[in-house]
Amino acid sequence: MTQNTKKTSKKVASLAARILQDESASATAKKLAASALSQSSTSNQTGADMEDLAATVLNSTKYNEDTKTLAGSVLAQSNKER
């Protein structure tokens, strides 16, 4: 299996940290934020479940720009062979 070496940018990591502290943020946004933050300084890759969630967010009009930014970051760090 090929390892994706991309990491979350400082800008997206900052957004993720802010969302995790926001009591009004949705559970979906918080899941994506946690995933993005866990990939900011480690070699962690996005799991299949998070890939599905991120793809759903990106294909929906229901989510805001911040949530879609996190979804894009999470998908960019997924396993390319999946």
N, C-alpha and C. Protein backbone atom coordinates (compact mmCIF):
# COMPACT_ATOMS: atom_id res chain seq x y z
N MET A 1 0.84 -1.18 0.00
CA MET A 1 0.00 0.00 0.00
C MET A 1 0.89 1.25 0.00
N THR A 2 0.57 2.18 -0.85
CA THR A 2 1.32 3.42 -0.96
C THR A 2 0.97 4.36 0.18
N GLN A 3 1.99 4.97 0.76
CA GLN A 3 1.80 5.91 1.86
C GLN A 3 1.65 7.32 1.30
N ASN A 4 0.62 8.02 1.69
CA ASN A 4 0.42 9.42 1.32
C ASN A 4 1.17 10.26 2.36
N THR A 5 2.11 11.07 1.91
CA THR A 5 2.95 11.83 2.85
C THR A 5 2.45 13.26 3.07
N LYS A 6 1.31 13.60 2.51
CA LYS A 6 0.78 14.95 2.71
C LYS A 6 0.38 15.15 4.16
N LYS A 7 0.53 16.39 4.63
CA LYS A 7 0.15 16.74 5.99
C LYS A 7 -0.78 17.95 5.95
N THR A 8 -1.55 18.13 6.99
CA THR A 8 -2.45 19.27 7.10
C THR A 8 -1.64 20.56 7.22
N SER A 9 -2.01 21.57 6.45
CA SER A 9 -1.31 22.86 6.50
C SER A 9 -1.57 23.56 7.83
N LYS A 10 -0.73 24.52 8.16
CA LYS A 10 -0.91 25.28 9.41
C LYS A 10 -2.24 26.02 9.40
N LYS A 11 -2.63 26.54 8.25
CA LYS A 11 -3.89 27.29 8.13
C LYS A 11 -5.08 26.37 8.42
N VAL A 12 -5.07 25.19 7.84
CA VAL A 12 -6.18 24.26 8.05
C VAL A 12 -6.14 23.70 9.47
N ALA A 13 -4.95 23.46 10.01
CA ALA A 13 -4.83 22.98 11.39
C ALA A 13 -5.39 24.01 12.36
N SER A 14 -5.15 25.28 12.09
CA SER A 14 -5.68 26.35 12.93
C SER A 14 -7.20 26.38 12.85
N LEU A 15 -7.73 26.24 11.64
CA LEU A 15 -9.19 26.18 11.46
C LEU A 15 -9.75 24.98 12.22
N ALA A 16 -9.10 23.83 12.12
CA ALA A 16 -9.57 22.63 12.80
C ALA A 16 -9.59 22.82 14.32
N ALA A 17 -8.55 23.43 14.85
CA ALA A 17 -8.50 23.68 16.30
C ALA A 17 -9.63 24.60 16.73
N ARG A 18 -9.90 25.62 15.92
CA ARG A 18 -10.98 26.56 16.24
C ARG A 18 -12.33 25.86 16.23
N ILE A 19 -12.55 25.00 15.25
CA ILE A 19 -13.83 24.29 15.14
C ILE A 19 -14.02 23.33 16.31
N LEU A 20 -12.95 22.66 16.72
CA LEU A 20 -13.06 21.74 17.86
C LEU A 20 -13.43 22.46 19.15
N GLN A 21 -13.08 23.72 19.26
CA GLN A 21 -13.41 24.50 20.46
C GLN A 21 -14.77 25.19 20.37
N ASP A 22 -15.35 25.20 19.18
CA ASP A 22 -16.62 25.88 18.95
C ASP A 22 -17.80 24.99 19.36
N GLU A 23 -18.49 25.38 20.40
CA GLU A 23 -19.62 24.58 20.89
C GLU A 23 -20.75 24.47 19.87
N SER A 24 -20.85 25.43 18.96
CA SER A 24 -21.94 25.40 17.99
C SER A 24 -21.58 24.67 16.70
N ALA A 25 -20.35 24.19 16.58
CA ALA A 25 -19.93 23.47 15.37
C ALA A 25 -20.64 22.11 15.32
N SER A 26 -20.96 21.68 14.12
CA SER A 26 -21.66 20.40 13.95
C SER A 26 -20.74 19.23 14.28
N ALA A 27 -21.36 18.09 14.53
CA ALA A 27 -20.59 16.86 14.80
C ALA A 27 -19.76 16.49 13.58
N THR A 28 -20.30 16.71 12.40
CA THR A 28 -19.57 16.40 11.17
C THR A 28 -18.33 17.27 11.06
N ALA A 29 -18.48 18.57 11.31
CA ALA A 29 -17.33 19.48 11.26
C ALA A 29 -16.28 19.07 12.28
N LYS A 30 -16.72 18.67 13.45
CA LYS A 30 -15.77 18.28 14.50
C LYS A 30 -15.04 16.98 14.15
N LYS A 31 -15.73 16.04 13.52
CA LYS A 31 -15.08 14.80 13.09
C LYS A 31 -14.00 15.10 12.05
N LEU A 32 -14.35 15.94 11.08
CA LEU A 32 -13.37 16.30 10.05
C LEU A 32 -12.21 17.10 10.64
N ALA A 33 -12.52 17.98 11.58
CA ALA A 33 -11.48 18.78 12.23
C ALA A 33 -10.51 17.88 12.99
N ALA A 34 -11.04 16.92 13.71
CA ALA A 34 -10.19 16.00 14.47
C ALA A 34 -9.30 15.19 13.54
N SER A 35 -9.87 14.74 12.43
CA SER A 35 -9.08 13.97 11.47
C SER A 35 -7.97 14.82 10.85
N ALA A 36 -8.32 16.03 10.45
CA ALA A 36 -7.34 16.93 9.85
C ALA A 36 -6.23 17.27 10.85
N LEU A 37 -6.61 17.53 12.08
CA LEU A 37 -5.62 17.88 13.10
C LEU A 37 -4.71 16.69 13.42
N SER A 38 -5.25 15.50 13.39
CA SER A 38 -4.42 14.31 13.68
C SER A 38 -3.40 14.06 12.58
N GLN A 39 -3.60 14.69 11.42
CA GLN A 39 -2.69 14.50 10.30
C GLN A 39 -1.75 15.68 10.11
N SER A 40 -1.73 16.59 11.07
CA SER A 40 -0.92 17.81 10.89
C SER A 40 0.55 17.60 11.21
N SER A 41 0.87 16.66 12.07
CA SER A 41 2.28 16.47 12.41
C SER A 41 2.64 14.99 12.56
N THR A 42 1.83 14.14 11.95
CA THR A 42 2.09 12.70 11.99
C THR A 42 1.98 12.14 10.58
N SER A 43 2.24 10.88 10.44
CA SER A 43 2.11 10.23 9.13
C SER A 43 0.76 9.53 9.00
N ASN A 44 -0.19 9.90 9.85
CA ASN A 44 -1.54 9.31 9.78
C ASN A 44 -2.15 9.59 8.42
N GLN A 45 -2.92 8.62 7.92
CA GLN A 45 -3.67 8.81 6.69
C GLN A 45 -5.16 8.72 7.00
N THR A 46 -5.96 9.28 6.13
CA THR A 46 -7.40 9.25 6.28
C THR A 46 -7.92 7.83 6.11
N GLY A 47 -8.79 7.41 7.02
CA GLY A 47 -9.41 6.09 6.92
C GLY A 47 -10.58 6.11 5.94
N ALA A 48 -11.02 4.94 5.55
CA ALA A 48 -12.09 4.81 4.55
C ALA A 48 -13.38 5.49 5.00
N ASP A 49 -13.73 5.36 6.28
CA ASP A 49 -14.96 5.98 6.79
C ASP A 49 -14.89 7.50 6.67
N MET A 50 -13.75 8.07 7.01
CA MET A 50 -13.59 9.52 6.92
C MET A 50 -13.56 9.98 5.46
N GLU A 51 -13.01 9.16 4.58
CA GLU A 51 -13.04 9.49 3.15
C GLU A 51 -14.49 9.61 2.68
N ASP A 52 -15.31 8.66 3.08
CA ASP A 52 -16.73 8.68 2.70
C ASP A 52 -17.43 9.92 3.24
N LEU A 53 -17.18 10.24 4.51
CA LEU A 53 -17.79 11.42 5.12
C LEU A 53 -17.35 12.69 4.39
N ALA A 54 -16.05 12.80 4.12
CA ALA A 54 -15.53 13.99 3.44
C ALA A 54 -16.12 14.13 2.04
N ALA A 55 -16.24 13.03 1.33
CA ALA A 55 -16.83 13.08 -0.02
C ALA A 55 -18.29 13.51 0.04
N THR A 56 -19.01 13.02 1.03
CA THR A 56 -20.42 13.41 1.21
C THR A 56 -20.53 14.91 1.46
N VAL A 57 -19.66 15.43 2.32
CA VAL A 57 -19.66 16.87 2.63
C VAL A 57 -19.39 17.69 1.38
N LEU A 58 -18.39 17.29 0.61
CA LEU A 58 -18.03 18.06 -0.58
C LEU A 58 -19.12 18.03 -1.66
N ASN A 59 -19.91 16.97 -1.67
CA ASN A 59 -20.97 16.85 -2.67
C ASN A 59 -22.31 17.41 -2.21
N SER A 60 -22.33 18.04 -1.05
CA SER A 60 -23.57 18.55 -0.48
C SER A 60 -23.57 20.08 -0.43
N THR A 61 -24.74 20.66 -0.55
CA THR A 61 -24.88 22.11 -0.40
C THR A 61 -25.19 22.48 1.06
N LYS A 62 -25.34 21.48 1.90
CA LYS A 62 -25.75 21.66 3.30
C LYS A 62 -24.63 22.22 4.18
N TYR A 63 -23.36 22.00 3.80
CA TYR A 63 -22.23 22.34 4.67
C TYR A 63 -21.59 23.66 4.27
N ASN A 64 -21.01 24.35 5.28
CA ASN A 64 -20.40 25.65 5.03
C ASN A 64 -18.97 25.51 4.49
N GLU A 65 -18.39 26.64 4.15
CA GLU A 65 -17.06 26.67 3.53
C GLU A 65 -15.98 26.08 4.44
N ASP A 66 -16.05 26.36 5.73
CA ASP A 66 -15.05 25.82 6.66
C ASP A 66 -15.10 24.30 6.70
N THR A 67 -16.30 23.75 6.76
CA THR A 67 -16.45 22.30 6.81
C THR A 67 -15.95 21.68 5.51
N LYS A 68 -16.22 22.33 4.39
CA LYS A 68 -15.75 21.82 3.10
C LYS A 68 -14.23 21.93 2.98
N THR A 69 -13.64 22.96 3.57
CA THR A 69 -12.18 23.09 3.58
C THR A 69 -11.56 21.91 4.31
N LEU A 70 -12.12 21.58 5.46
CA LEU A 70 -11.63 20.43 6.23
C LEU A 70 -11.82 19.13 5.44
N ALA A 71 -12.96 18.98 4.79
CA ALA A 71 -13.22 17.78 4.01
C ALA A 71 -12.21 17.63 2.88
N GLY A 72 -11.89 18.72 2.22
CA GLY A 72 -10.90 18.68 1.14
C GLY A 72 -9.54 18.29 1.65
N SER A 73 -9.16 18.81 2.79
CA SER A 73 -7.87 18.47 3.38
C SER A 73 -7.81 16.99 3.76
N VAL A 74 -8.87 16.50 4.35
CA VAL A 74 -8.93 15.10 4.76
C VAL A 74 -8.83 14.19 3.53
N LEU A 75 -9.56 14.52 2.47
CA LEU A 75 -9.51 13.70 1.26
C LEU A 75 -8.14 13.75 0.59
N ALA A 76 -7.48 14.90 0.64
CA ALA A 76 -6.15 15.03 0.02
C ALA A 76 -5.14 14.13 0.71
N GLN A 77 -5.42 13.74 1.94
CA GLN A 77 -4.49 12.92 2.71
C GLN A 77 -4.93 11.46 2.78
N SER A 78 -5.81 11.08 1.87
CA SER A 78 -6.30 9.69 1.87
C SER A 78 -5.33 8.79 1.12
N ASN A 79 -5.54 7.50 1.29
CA ASN A 79 -4.73 6.50 0.60
C ASN A 79 -5.13 6.51 -0.87
N LYS A 80 -4.17 6.76 -1.74
CA LYS A 80 -4.47 6.90 -3.17
C LYS A 80 -4.90 5.60 -3.82
N GLU A 81 -4.60 4.46 -3.21
CA GLU A 81 -4.97 3.18 -3.80
C GLU A 81 -6.40 2.76 -3.47
N ARG A 82 -7.02 3.45 -2.52
CA ARG A 82 -8.38 3.07 -2.13
C ARG A 82 -9.38 3.64 -3.08
